[in-house]
Amino acid sequence: MVLATTKRYTVTEYLELEERAEFKSEFVNGEILPMAGATANHNILTLKFAARILLALEDLDYSVFTTDVRLWMPDYNQYTYPDVMIVEGQTIFTNEKQTAITNPCLIVEVLSSSTQEYDRVNKFKQYRSISSFREYVLVYQNNYCVEQYTKQNDGRWILTEYLGEDTVLKLESVRFEISLQDLYKRVIFLT
């Protein structure tokens, strides 16, 4: 019997490959995992959220990053590409090229059917290893639904669910709110 083996990569090898790659991949403890392509709804929701929060925070001490900046989680030996990340104060980059950060206070993921469970469970667990991380927002693509997890002073995470187009999402870690009607404008719900 021949056992198939998966090549394991170092962080340095991954970063070198990623620099030359035609598509993005995540790095999970030695494995390189290609990312799936995004839908039009995913793109609309990511850009709308990023654009609105960027404008709302423009004159405050926050930085907004989108899908081309990686997040490094040393506790899990993992790089991911969250849809939107917010950093309060000084951004901590992993290198001089400023391609990855380590200190978001807020992460937003737009859920897709293929990654929904991974984003809701595994990624959330991994993101919680980041000491600056205080809020996680999950945006569904095919209905007016947003889940918001906020870290309490005692370390517990509280879930607030926003349903329906008349609902207004109010963030806890930054001064920002958006109606779901506005967020989902131009999104075509698929069945």
N, C-alpha and C. Protein backbone atom coordinates (compact mmCIF):
# COMPACT_ATOMS: atom_id res chain seq x y z
N MET A 1 0.84 -1.17 0.00
CA MET A 1 0.00 0.00 0.00
C MET A 1 0.89 1.24 0.00
N VAL A 2 0.56 2.21 -0.87
CA VAL A 2 1.30 3.46 -0.96
C VAL A 2 0.44 4.55 -0.33
N LEU A 3 1.01 5.28 0.60
CA LEU A 3 0.30 6.37 1.24
C LEU A 3 0.62 7.68 0.54
N ALA A 4 -0.39 8.43 0.22
CA ALA A 4 -0.18 9.74 -0.38
C ALA A 4 0.26 10.70 0.72
N THR A 5 1.21 11.53 0.39
CA THR A 5 1.68 12.52 1.35
C THR A 5 1.42 13.91 0.80
N THR A 6 1.07 14.82 1.67
CA THR A 6 0.86 16.20 1.30
C THR A 6 2.13 16.96 1.63
N LYS A 7 2.64 17.73 0.66
CA LYS A 7 3.85 18.51 0.89
C LYS A 7 3.56 19.57 1.94
N ARG A 8 4.44 19.69 2.88
CA ARG A 8 4.34 20.71 3.92
C ARG A 8 5.29 21.85 3.55
N TYR A 9 4.84 23.05 3.73
CA TYR A 9 5.61 24.24 3.39
C TYR A 9 5.96 25.01 4.65
N THR A 10 7.06 25.74 4.58
CA THR A 10 7.38 26.68 5.65
C THR A 10 6.67 28.00 5.36
N VAL A 11 6.58 28.86 6.34
CA VAL A 11 5.98 30.18 6.14
C VAL A 11 6.73 30.93 5.05
N THR A 12 8.06 30.85 5.07
CA THR A 12 8.88 31.53 4.06
C THR A 12 8.56 31.02 2.66
N GLU A 13 8.45 29.70 2.50
CA GLU A 13 8.11 29.14 1.19
C GLU A 13 6.74 29.62 0.72
N TYR A 14 5.78 29.60 1.63
CA TYR A 14 4.43 30.07 1.29
C TYR A 14 4.46 31.52 0.83
N LEU A 15 5.13 32.38 1.58
CA LEU A 15 5.16 33.80 1.22
C LEU A 15 5.84 34.03 -0.12
N GLU A 16 6.89 33.27 -0.41
CA GLU A 16 7.55 33.38 -1.71
C GLU A 16 6.62 32.92 -2.84
N LEU A 17 5.93 31.81 -2.64
CA LEU A 17 4.98 31.32 -3.64
C LEU A 17 3.82 32.29 -3.84
N GLU A 18 3.33 32.83 -2.74
CA GLU A 18 2.18 33.73 -2.79
C GLU A 18 2.52 35.02 -3.54
N GLU A 19 3.75 35.46 -3.42
CA GLU A 19 4.19 36.68 -4.10
C GLU A 19 4.12 36.53 -5.62
N ARG A 20 4.34 35.32 -6.12
CA ARG A 20 4.36 35.06 -7.56
C ARG A 20 3.04 34.45 -8.07
N ALA A 21 2.15 34.12 -7.17
CA ALA A 21 0.94 33.38 -7.54
C ALA A 21 -0.04 34.24 -8.34
N GLU A 22 -0.80 33.58 -9.20
CA GLU A 22 -1.84 34.25 -9.97
C GLU A 22 -3.16 34.28 -9.21
N PHE A 23 -3.28 33.50 -8.14
CA PHE A 23 -4.47 33.49 -7.30
C PHE A 23 -4.03 33.37 -5.85
N LYS A 24 -4.91 33.77 -4.95
CA LYS A 24 -4.58 33.77 -3.52
C LYS A 24 -4.80 32.40 -2.90
N SER A 25 -3.95 32.10 -1.91
CA SER A 25 -4.08 30.87 -1.13
C SER A 25 -3.86 31.21 0.34
N GLU A 26 -4.53 30.46 1.19
CA GLU A 26 -4.30 30.60 2.62
C GLU A 26 -3.25 29.59 3.06
N PHE A 27 -2.62 29.88 4.16
CA PHE A 27 -1.59 29.01 4.72
C PHE A 27 -2.08 28.50 6.06
N VAL A 28 -2.19 27.17 6.19
CA VAL A 28 -2.70 26.59 7.43
C VAL A 28 -1.70 25.54 7.92
N ASN A 29 -0.86 25.95 8.85
CA ASN A 29 0.07 25.03 9.52
C ASN A 29 0.83 24.13 8.54
N GLY A 30 1.42 24.75 7.52
CA GLY A 30 2.25 24.01 6.57
C GLY A 30 1.56 23.63 5.28
N GLU A 31 0.23 23.75 5.23
CA GLU A 31 -0.50 23.43 4.00
C GLU A 31 -0.92 24.72 3.31
N ILE A 32 -0.89 24.70 1.98
CA ILE A 32 -1.34 25.83 1.19
C ILE A 32 -2.69 25.46 0.58
N LEU A 33 -3.70 26.27 0.89
CA LEU A 33 -5.07 25.98 0.46
C LEU A 33 -5.55 27.08 -0.48
N PRO A 34 -5.79 26.74 -1.77
CA PRO A 34 -6.28 27.74 -2.72
C PRO A 34 -7.64 28.28 -2.28
N MET A 35 -7.85 29.56 -2.50
CA MET A 35 -9.12 30.18 -2.16
C MET A 35 -10.07 30.09 -3.33
N ALA A 36 -11.33 29.89 -3.03
CA ALA A 36 -12.36 29.84 -4.07
C ALA A 36 -12.64 31.25 -4.59
N GLY A 37 -13.11 31.33 -5.82
CA GLY A 37 -13.48 32.61 -6.39
C GLY A 37 -14.72 33.17 -5.71
N ALA A 38 -14.87 34.48 -5.74
CA ALA A 38 -16.00 35.13 -5.08
C ALA A 38 -17.12 35.39 -6.08
N THR A 39 -18.35 35.42 -5.57
CA THR A 39 -19.52 35.73 -6.38
C THR A 39 -19.69 37.25 -6.48
N ALA A 40 -20.58 37.68 -7.36
CA ALA A 40 -20.89 39.10 -7.47
C ALA A 40 -21.45 39.63 -6.14
N ASN A 41 -22.36 38.87 -5.51
CA ASN A 41 -22.91 39.29 -4.22
C ASN A 41 -21.82 39.46 -3.18
N HIS A 42 -20.90 38.53 -3.13
CA HIS A 42 -19.78 38.59 -2.18
C HIS A 42 -18.99 39.87 -2.40
N ASN A 43 -18.71 40.16 -3.64
CA ASN A 43 -17.93 41.35 -3.99
C ASN A 43 -18.68 42.63 -3.62
N ILE A 44 -19.96 42.70 -3.96
CA ILE A 44 -20.77 43.88 -3.65
C ILE A 44 -20.80 44.12 -2.14
N LEU A 45 -21.06 43.08 -1.36
CA LEU A 45 -21.16 43.22 0.09
C LEU A 45 -19.82 43.60 0.72
N THR A 46 -18.74 42.99 0.27
CA THR A 46 -17.42 43.31 0.80
C THR A 46 -17.05 44.76 0.51
N LEU A 47 -17.23 45.17 -0.73
CA LEU A 47 -16.87 46.54 -1.12
C LEU A 47 -17.75 47.57 -0.45
N LYS A 48 -19.06 47.29 -0.36
CA LYS A 48 -19.97 48.25 0.28
C LYS A 48 -19.59 48.44 1.75
N PHE A 49 -19.36 47.33 2.45
CA PHE A 49 -19.02 47.43 3.87
C PHE A 49 -17.70 48.19 4.03
N ALA A 50 -16.70 47.83 3.24
CA ALA A 50 -15.39 48.47 3.34
C ALA A 50 -15.46 49.96 3.00
N ALA A 51 -16.18 50.30 1.94
CA ALA A 51 -16.27 51.71 1.53
C ALA A 51 -16.96 52.55 2.59
N ARG A 52 -18.08 52.05 3.11
CA ARG A 52 -18.83 52.83 4.09
C ARG A 52 -18.07 52.99 5.40
N ILE A 53 -17.42 51.93 5.84
CA ILE A 53 -16.70 52.04 7.12
C ILE A 53 -15.43 52.87 6.95
N LEU A 54 -14.81 52.80 5.79
CA LEU A 54 -13.63 53.62 5.52
C LEU A 54 -13.99 55.10 5.62
N LEU A 55 -15.09 55.48 5.01
CA LEU A 55 -15.52 56.88 5.08
C LEU A 55 -15.89 57.29 6.51
N ALA A 56 -16.56 56.40 7.24
CA ALA A 56 -16.98 56.72 8.61
C ALA A 56 -15.78 56.89 9.55
N LEU A 57 -14.70 56.17 9.29
CA LEU A 57 -13.54 56.19 10.19
C LEU A 57 -12.38 57.04 9.67
N GLU A 58 -12.58 57.68 8.53
CA GLU A 58 -11.49 58.37 7.83
C GLU A 58 -10.71 59.35 8.71
N ASP A 59 -11.39 60.09 9.55
CA ASP A 59 -10.71 61.09 10.38
C ASP A 59 -10.38 60.60 11.79
N LEU A 60 -10.55 59.30 12.02
CA LEU A 60 -10.25 58.71 13.32
C LEU A 60 -9.00 57.84 13.21
N ASP A 61 -8.55 57.31 14.32
CA ASP A 61 -7.29 56.55 14.34
C ASP A 61 -7.52 55.06 14.04
N TYR A 62 -8.04 54.79 12.83
CA TYR A 62 -8.31 53.42 12.39
C TYR A 62 -7.78 53.24 10.98
N SER A 63 -7.43 52.01 10.65
CA SER A 63 -7.06 51.63 9.29
C SER A 63 -8.01 50.53 8.84
N VAL A 64 -8.39 50.58 7.56
CA VAL A 64 -9.32 49.61 6.98
C VAL A 64 -8.58 48.83 5.91
N PHE A 65 -8.68 47.50 5.97
CA PHE A 65 -8.02 46.63 4.99
C PHE A 65 -9.06 45.67 4.40
N THR A 66 -8.85 45.31 3.14
CA THR A 66 -9.75 44.36 2.50
C THR A 66 -8.98 43.12 2.06
N THR A 67 -9.57 42.37 1.19
CA THR A 67 -9.17 41.00 0.86
C THR A 67 -7.76 40.79 0.35
N ASP A 68 -7.02 41.83 0.03
CA ASP A 68 -5.66 41.63 -0.47
C ASP A 68 -4.60 41.69 0.62
N VAL A 69 -4.99 42.00 1.83
CA VAL A 69 -4.04 42.02 2.96
C VAL A 69 -4.31 40.78 3.81
N ARG A 70 -3.24 40.05 4.10
CA ARG A 70 -3.34 38.82 4.89
C ARG A 70 -3.36 39.13 6.38
N LEU A 71 -3.89 38.17 7.12
CA LEU A 71 -3.85 38.20 8.58
C LEU A 71 -2.99 37.03 9.05
N TRP A 72 -2.00 37.31 9.90
CA TRP A 72 -1.12 36.28 10.45
C TRP A 72 -1.56 35.96 11.87
N MET A 73 -1.78 34.66 12.12
CA MET A 73 -2.14 34.19 13.45
C MET A 73 -1.06 33.22 13.92
N PRO A 74 -0.05 33.69 14.64
CA PRO A 74 1.08 32.84 15.02
C PRO A 74 0.70 31.64 15.88
N ASP A 75 -0.32 31.77 16.71
CA ASP A 75 -0.73 30.64 17.56
C ASP A 75 -1.18 29.44 16.74
N TYR A 76 -1.66 29.70 15.52
CA TYR A 76 -2.14 28.62 14.64
C TYR A 76 -1.25 28.42 13.43
N ASN A 77 -0.12 29.17 13.35
CA ASN A 77 0.78 29.08 12.21
C ASN A 77 -0.05 29.21 10.92
N GLN A 78 -0.83 30.31 10.84
CA GLN A 78 -1.81 30.44 9.77
C GLN A 78 -1.90 31.87 9.23
N TYR A 79 -2.00 31.96 7.90
CA TYR A 79 -2.32 33.19 7.19
C TYR A 79 -3.70 33.03 6.55
N THR A 80 -4.55 34.04 6.69
CA THR A 80 -5.85 34.05 6.00
C THR A 80 -6.03 35.41 5.34
N TYR A 81 -7.05 35.49 4.51
CA TYR A 81 -7.43 36.73 3.83
C TYR A 81 -8.86 37.10 4.22
N PRO A 82 -9.06 37.73 5.37
CA PRO A 82 -10.42 38.15 5.72
C PRO A 82 -10.95 39.17 4.71
N ASP A 83 -12.26 39.26 4.62
CA ASP A 83 -12.86 40.19 3.66
C ASP A 83 -12.62 41.64 4.04
N VAL A 84 -12.81 41.98 5.31
CA VAL A 84 -12.54 43.34 5.79
C VAL A 84 -11.94 43.23 7.18
N MET A 85 -10.90 44.03 7.44
CA MET A 85 -10.31 44.10 8.78
C MET A 85 -10.13 45.57 9.15
N ILE A 86 -10.36 45.86 10.42
CA ILE A 86 -10.16 47.20 10.96
C ILE A 86 -9.10 47.11 12.06
N VAL A 87 -8.16 48.04 12.02
CA VAL A 87 -7.13 48.12 13.05
C VAL A 87 -7.28 49.46 13.75
N GLU A 88 -7.28 49.44 15.07
CA GLU A 88 -7.31 50.67 15.84
C GLU A 88 -5.88 51.06 16.19
N GLY A 89 -5.53 52.32 15.94
CA GLY A 89 -4.19 52.80 16.24
C GLY A 89 -3.16 52.30 15.24
N GLN A 90 -1.97 52.03 15.73
CA GLN A 90 -0.84 51.61 14.90
C GLN A 90 -1.05 50.20 14.34
N THR A 91 -0.93 50.06 13.02
CA THR A 91 -1.02 48.75 12.39
C THR A 91 0.30 48.02 12.57
N ILE A 92 0.23 46.77 12.98
CA ILE A 92 1.44 45.95 13.12
C ILE A 92 1.51 45.03 11.91
N PHE A 93 2.50 45.28 11.06
CA PHE A 93 2.72 44.46 9.87
C PHE A 93 3.74 43.37 10.17
N THR A 94 3.68 42.29 9.41
CA THR A 94 4.62 41.19 9.62
C THR A 94 5.94 41.41 8.88
N ASN A 95 5.95 42.33 7.91
CA ASN A 95 7.19 42.59 7.17
C ASN A 95 7.16 44.00 6.59
N GLU A 96 8.28 44.41 6.00
CA GLU A 96 8.39 45.75 5.45
C GLU A 96 7.53 45.96 4.20
N LYS A 97 7.11 44.89 3.54
CA LYS A 97 6.26 45.01 2.36
C LYS A 97 4.81 45.32 2.73
N GLN A 98 4.47 45.21 3.98
CA GLN A 98 3.13 45.52 4.51
C GLN A 98 2.03 44.71 3.81
N THR A 99 2.27 43.41 3.68
CA THR A 99 1.29 42.53 3.03
C THR A 99 0.46 41.73 4.03
N ALA A 100 0.82 41.77 5.30
CA ALA A 100 0.08 41.03 6.32
C ALA A 100 0.11 41.79 7.63
N ILE A 101 -1.00 41.68 8.38
CA ILE A 101 -1.09 42.35 9.68
C ILE A 101 -1.35 41.32 10.78
N THR A 102 -1.23 41.80 12.02
CA THR A 102 -1.42 40.90 13.16
C THR A 102 -2.40 41.43 14.21
N ASN A 103 -2.94 42.65 14.02
CA ASN A 103 -3.68 43.25 15.13
C ASN A 103 -5.04 43.89 14.77
N PRO A 104 -5.92 43.17 14.09
CA PRO A 104 -7.24 43.77 13.85
C PRO A 104 -8.09 43.76 15.11
N CYS A 105 -8.95 44.77 15.24
CA CYS A 105 -9.94 44.76 16.33
C CYS A 105 -11.28 44.23 15.82
N LEU A 106 -11.50 44.34 14.51
CA LEU A 106 -12.75 43.93 13.89
C LEU A 106 -12.44 43.17 12.60
N ILE A 107 -13.14 42.06 12.40
CA ILE A 107 -13.03 41.28 11.17
C ILE A 107 -14.43 41.05 10.64
N VAL A 108 -14.59 41.24 9.32
CA VAL A 108 -15.86 41.00 8.64
C VAL A 108 -15.63 39.91 7.60
N GLU A 109 -16.48 38.91 7.61
CA GLU A 109 -16.45 37.86 6.58
C GLU A 109 -17.82 37.82 5.91
N VAL A 110 -17.82 37.81 4.58
CA VAL A 110 -19.04 37.60 3.82
C VAL A 110 -19.11 36.10 3.56
N LEU A 111 -20.19 35.49 4.01
CA LEU A 111 -20.29 34.04 3.97
C LEU A 111 -20.68 33.53 2.59
N SER A 112 -20.06 32.43 2.19
CA SER A 112 -20.48 31.72 0.98
C SER A 112 -20.85 30.31 1.39
N SER A 113 -21.61 29.63 0.56
CA SER A 113 -22.07 28.29 0.93
C SER A 113 -20.90 27.33 1.15
N SER A 114 -19.82 27.49 0.41
CA SER A 114 -18.69 26.56 0.53
C SER A 114 -17.82 26.83 1.75
N THR A 115 -17.82 28.05 2.29
CA THR A 115 -16.94 28.38 3.42
C THR A 115 -17.68 28.78 4.68
N GLN A 116 -19.01 28.80 4.63
CA GLN A 116 -19.80 29.30 5.75
C GLN A 116 -19.47 28.63 7.08
N GLU A 117 -19.44 27.32 7.11
CA GLU A 117 -19.18 26.61 8.37
C GLU A 117 -17.76 26.87 8.86
N TYR A 118 -16.81 26.89 7.94
CA TYR A 118 -15.40 27.16 8.28
C TYR A 118 -15.27 28.56 8.89
N ASP A 119 -15.92 29.57 8.25
CA ASP A 119 -15.84 30.94 8.75
C ASP A 119 -16.51 31.07 10.11
N ARG A 120 -17.65 30.42 10.29
CA ARG A 120 -18.41 30.56 11.54
C ARG A 120 -17.77 29.84 12.71
N VAL A 121 -17.06 28.74 12.46
CA VAL A 121 -16.54 27.92 13.56
C VAL A 121 -15.01 28.01 13.64
N ASN A 122 -14.33 27.41 12.69
CA ASN A 122 -12.87 27.31 12.78
C ASN A 122 -12.16 28.66 12.72
N LYS A 123 -12.51 29.47 11.71
CA LYS A 123 -11.85 30.77 11.62
C LYS A 123 -12.14 31.62 12.84
N PHE A 124 -13.37 31.60 13.31
CA PHE A 124 -13.71 32.38 14.49
C PHE A 124 -12.86 31.95 15.69
N LYS A 125 -12.69 30.67 15.87
CA LYS A 125 -11.85 30.17 16.96
C LYS A 125 -10.41 30.67 16.79
N GLN A 126 -9.90 30.61 15.58
CA GLN A 126 -8.53 31.05 15.32
C GLN A 126 -8.39 32.56 15.50
N TYR A 127 -9.35 33.30 15.00
CA TYR A 127 -9.31 34.76 15.16
C TYR A 127 -9.28 35.16 16.63
N ARG A 128 -9.96 34.40 17.47
CA ARG A 128 -9.99 34.73 18.90
C ARG A 128 -8.62 34.61 19.58
N SER A 129 -7.64 34.04 18.90
CA SER A 129 -6.28 33.97 19.45
C SER A 129 -5.57 35.32 19.36
N ILE A 130 -6.14 36.27 18.65
CA ILE A 130 -5.55 37.60 18.47
C ILE A 130 -6.01 38.49 19.62
N SER A 131 -5.09 39.01 20.38
CA SER A 131 -5.46 39.76 21.59
C SER A 131 -6.23 41.05 21.28
N SER A 132 -5.99 41.69 20.16
CA SER A 132 -6.68 42.94 19.82
C SER A 132 -8.08 42.72 19.25
N PHE A 133 -8.41 41.49 18.90
CA PHE A 133 -9.67 41.15 18.22
C PHE A 133 -10.84 41.24 19.19
N ARG A 134 -11.84 42.10 18.86
CA ARG A 134 -12.97 42.32 19.75
C ARG A 134 -14.34 42.16 19.11
N GLU A 135 -14.37 42.08 17.76
CA GLU A 135 -15.68 42.00 17.11
C GLU A 135 -15.56 41.25 15.79
N TYR A 136 -16.56 40.40 15.56
CA TYR A 136 -16.60 39.56 14.35
C TYR A 136 -17.99 39.72 13.73
N VAL A 137 -18.01 40.08 12.45
CA VAL A 137 -19.26 40.30 11.75
C VAL A 137 -19.33 39.34 10.56
N LEU A 138 -20.42 38.58 10.50
CA LEU A 138 -20.65 37.62 9.42
C LEU A 138 -21.85 38.10 8.60
N VAL A 139 -21.64 38.28 7.31
CA VAL A 139 -22.66 38.81 6.42
C VAL A 139 -23.10 37.69 5.48
N TYR A 140 -24.38 37.38 5.50
CA TYR A 140 -24.93 36.36 4.60
C TYR A 140 -25.17 36.99 3.23
N GLN A 141 -25.02 36.18 2.17
CA GLN A 141 -25.16 36.70 0.81
C GLN A 141 -26.58 36.65 0.26
N ASN A 142 -27.39 35.72 0.73
CA ASN A 142 -28.65 35.47 0.05
C ASN A 142 -29.90 35.81 0.85
N ASN A 143 -29.72 36.58 1.91
CA ASN A 143 -30.86 37.13 2.63
C ASN A 143 -30.36 38.23 3.56
N TYR A 144 -31.28 39.05 4.05
CA TYR A 144 -30.93 40.13 4.96
C TYR A 144 -30.59 39.54 6.32
N CYS A 145 -29.35 39.16 6.50
CA CYS A 145 -28.95 38.54 7.77
C CYS A 145 -27.48 38.82 8.05
N VAL A 146 -27.22 39.37 9.22
CA VAL A 146 -25.85 39.64 9.67
C VAL A 146 -25.75 39.15 11.11
N GLU A 147 -24.68 38.43 11.41
CA GLU A 147 -24.38 38.01 12.78
C GLU A 147 -23.21 38.82 13.29
N GLN A 148 -23.32 39.30 14.51
CA GLN A 148 -22.27 40.10 15.13
C GLN A 148 -21.88 39.46 16.46
N TYR A 149 -20.61 39.14 16.59
CA TYR A 149 -20.08 38.60 17.84
C TYR A 149 -19.21 39.68 18.47
N THR A 150 -19.49 40.01 19.73
CA THR A 150 -18.70 41.04 20.41
C THR A 150 -18.11 40.47 21.69
N LYS A 151 -16.84 40.77 21.89
CA LYS A 151 -16.13 40.29 23.08
C LYS A 151 -16.44 41.20 24.26
N GLN A 152 -16.83 40.58 25.36
CA GLN A 152 -17.14 41.30 26.58
C GLN A 152 -15.87 41.44 27.44
N ASN A 153 -15.92 42.32 28.43
CA ASN A 153 -14.76 42.54 29.30
C ASN A 153 -14.32 41.28 30.03
N ASP A 154 -15.26 40.36 30.29
CA ASP A 154 -14.90 39.12 30.99
C ASP A 154 -14.45 38.01 30.03
N GLY A 155 -14.31 38.34 28.71
CA GLY A 155 -13.83 37.36 27.74
C GLY A 155 -14.92 36.59 27.02
N ARG A 156 -16.16 36.70 27.48
CA ARG A 156 -17.26 36.02 26.79
C ARG A 156 -17.56 36.73 25.48
N TRP A 157 -18.08 35.96 24.51
CA TRP A 157 -18.51 36.51 23.22
C TRP A 157 -20.02 36.46 23.16
N ILE A 158 -20.64 37.59 22.80
CA ILE A 158 -22.09 37.69 22.73
C ILE A 158 -22.50 37.82 21.25
N LEU A 159 -23.50 37.02 20.87
CA LEU A 159 -24.04 37.05 19.51
C LEU A 159 -25.26 37.95 19.45
N THR A 160 -25.27 38.84 18.44
CA THR A 160 -26.45 39.63 18.11
C THR A 160 -26.75 39.35 16.64
N GLU A 161 -27.99 38.99 16.35
CA GLU A 161 -28.38 38.68 14.99
C GLU A 161 -29.27 39.79 14.45
N TYR A 162 -28.96 40.25 13.25
CA TYR A 162 -29.72 41.30 12.58
C TYR A 162 -30.44 40.67 11.39
N LEU A 163 -31.77 40.75 11.39
CA LEU A 163 -32.57 40.13 10.34
C LEU A 163 -33.52 41.16 9.73
N GLY A 164 -33.67 41.14 8.42
CA GLY A 164 -34.62 42.01 7.74
C GLY A 164 -34.00 43.30 7.26
N GLU A 165 -34.54 43.80 6.16
CA GLU A 165 -33.93 44.96 5.53
C GLU A 165 -34.07 46.25 6.34
N ASP A 166 -34.99 46.33 7.28
CA ASP A 166 -35.17 47.53 8.09
C ASP A 166 -34.27 47.58 9.32
N THR A 167 -33.50 46.54 9.53
CA THR A 167 -32.62 46.45 10.69
C THR A 167 -31.35 47.28 10.46
N VAL A 168 -30.80 47.82 11.54
CA VAL A 168 -29.57 48.61 11.46
C VAL A 168 -28.49 47.91 12.27
N LEU A 169 -27.38 47.57 11.61
CA LEU A 169 -26.22 46.99 12.26
C LEU A 169 -25.44 48.10 12.95
N LYS A 170 -25.20 47.96 14.25
CA LYS A 170 -24.43 48.93 15.02
C LYS A 170 -23.21 48.21 15.58
N LEU A 171 -22.04 48.63 15.15
CA LEU A 171 -20.81 48.00 15.63
C LEU A 171 -20.48 48.46 17.03
N GLU A 172 -19.76 47.62 17.75
CA GLU A 172 -19.37 47.91 19.13
C GLU A 172 -17.92 48.42 19.23
N SER A 173 -17.03 47.89 18.40
CA SER A 173 -15.60 48.21 18.52
C SER A 173 -15.23 49.52 17.84
N VAL A 174 -16.08 50.01 16.93
CA VAL A 174 -15.86 51.28 16.25
C VAL A 174 -17.21 51.98 16.11
N ARG A 175 -17.16 53.30 15.91
CA ARG A 175 -18.40 54.07 15.73
C ARG A 175 -18.86 53.93 14.28
N PHE A 176 -19.77 53.01 14.05
CA PHE A 176 -20.26 52.77 12.70
C PHE A 176 -21.57 52.03 12.77
N GLU A 177 -22.49 52.44 11.91
CA GLU A 177 -23.73 51.70 11.74
C GLU A 177 -24.17 51.79 10.29
N ILE A 178 -24.89 50.76 9.84
CA ILE A 178 -25.39 50.70 8.47
C ILE A 178 -26.68 49.89 8.47
N SER A 179 -27.66 50.38 7.72
CA SER A 179 -28.91 49.61 7.60
C SER A 179 -28.66 48.43 6.67
N LEU A 180 -29.34 47.35 6.91
CA LEU A 180 -29.21 46.20 6.03
C LEU A 180 -29.76 46.53 4.64
N GLN A 181 -30.74 47.40 4.57
CA GLN A 181 -31.26 47.82 3.28
C GLN A 181 -30.15 48.49 2.46
N ASP A 182 -29.38 49.33 3.09
CA ASP A 182 -28.27 50.00 2.40
C ASP A 182 -27.15 49.01 2.07
N LEU A 183 -26.80 48.17 3.03
CA LEU A 183 -25.72 47.20 2.82
C LEU A 183 -26.03 46.28 1.65
N TYR A 184 -27.28 45.84 1.56
CA TYR A 184 -27.67 44.85 0.55
C TYR A 184 -28.17 45.47 -0.77
N LYS A 185 -28.10 46.79 -0.89
CA LYS A 185 -28.54 47.43 -2.13
C LYS A 185 -27.74 46.85 -3.31
N ARG A 186 -28.42 46.46 -4.35
CA ARG A 186 -27.87 45.87 -5.59
C ARG A 186 -27.48 44.40 -5.45
N VAL A 187 -27.72 43.81 -4.29
CA VAL A 187 -27.49 42.39 -4.14
C VAL A 187 -28.71 41.64 -4.66
N ILE A 188 -28.48 40.64 -5.48
CA ILE A 188 -29.56 39.82 -6.03
C ILE A 188 -29.57 38.50 -5.26
N PHE A 189 -30.63 38.29 -4.47
CA PHE A 189 -30.71 37.07 -3.67
C PHE A 189 -30.96 35.87 -4.57
N LEU A 190 -30.12 34.86 -4.44
CA LEU A 190 -30.25 33.64 -5.23
C LEU A 190 -30.87 32.56 -4.35
N THR A 191 -31.56 31.64 -4.95
CA THR A 191 -32.18 30.56 -4.17
C THR A 191 -31.35 29.30 -4.25
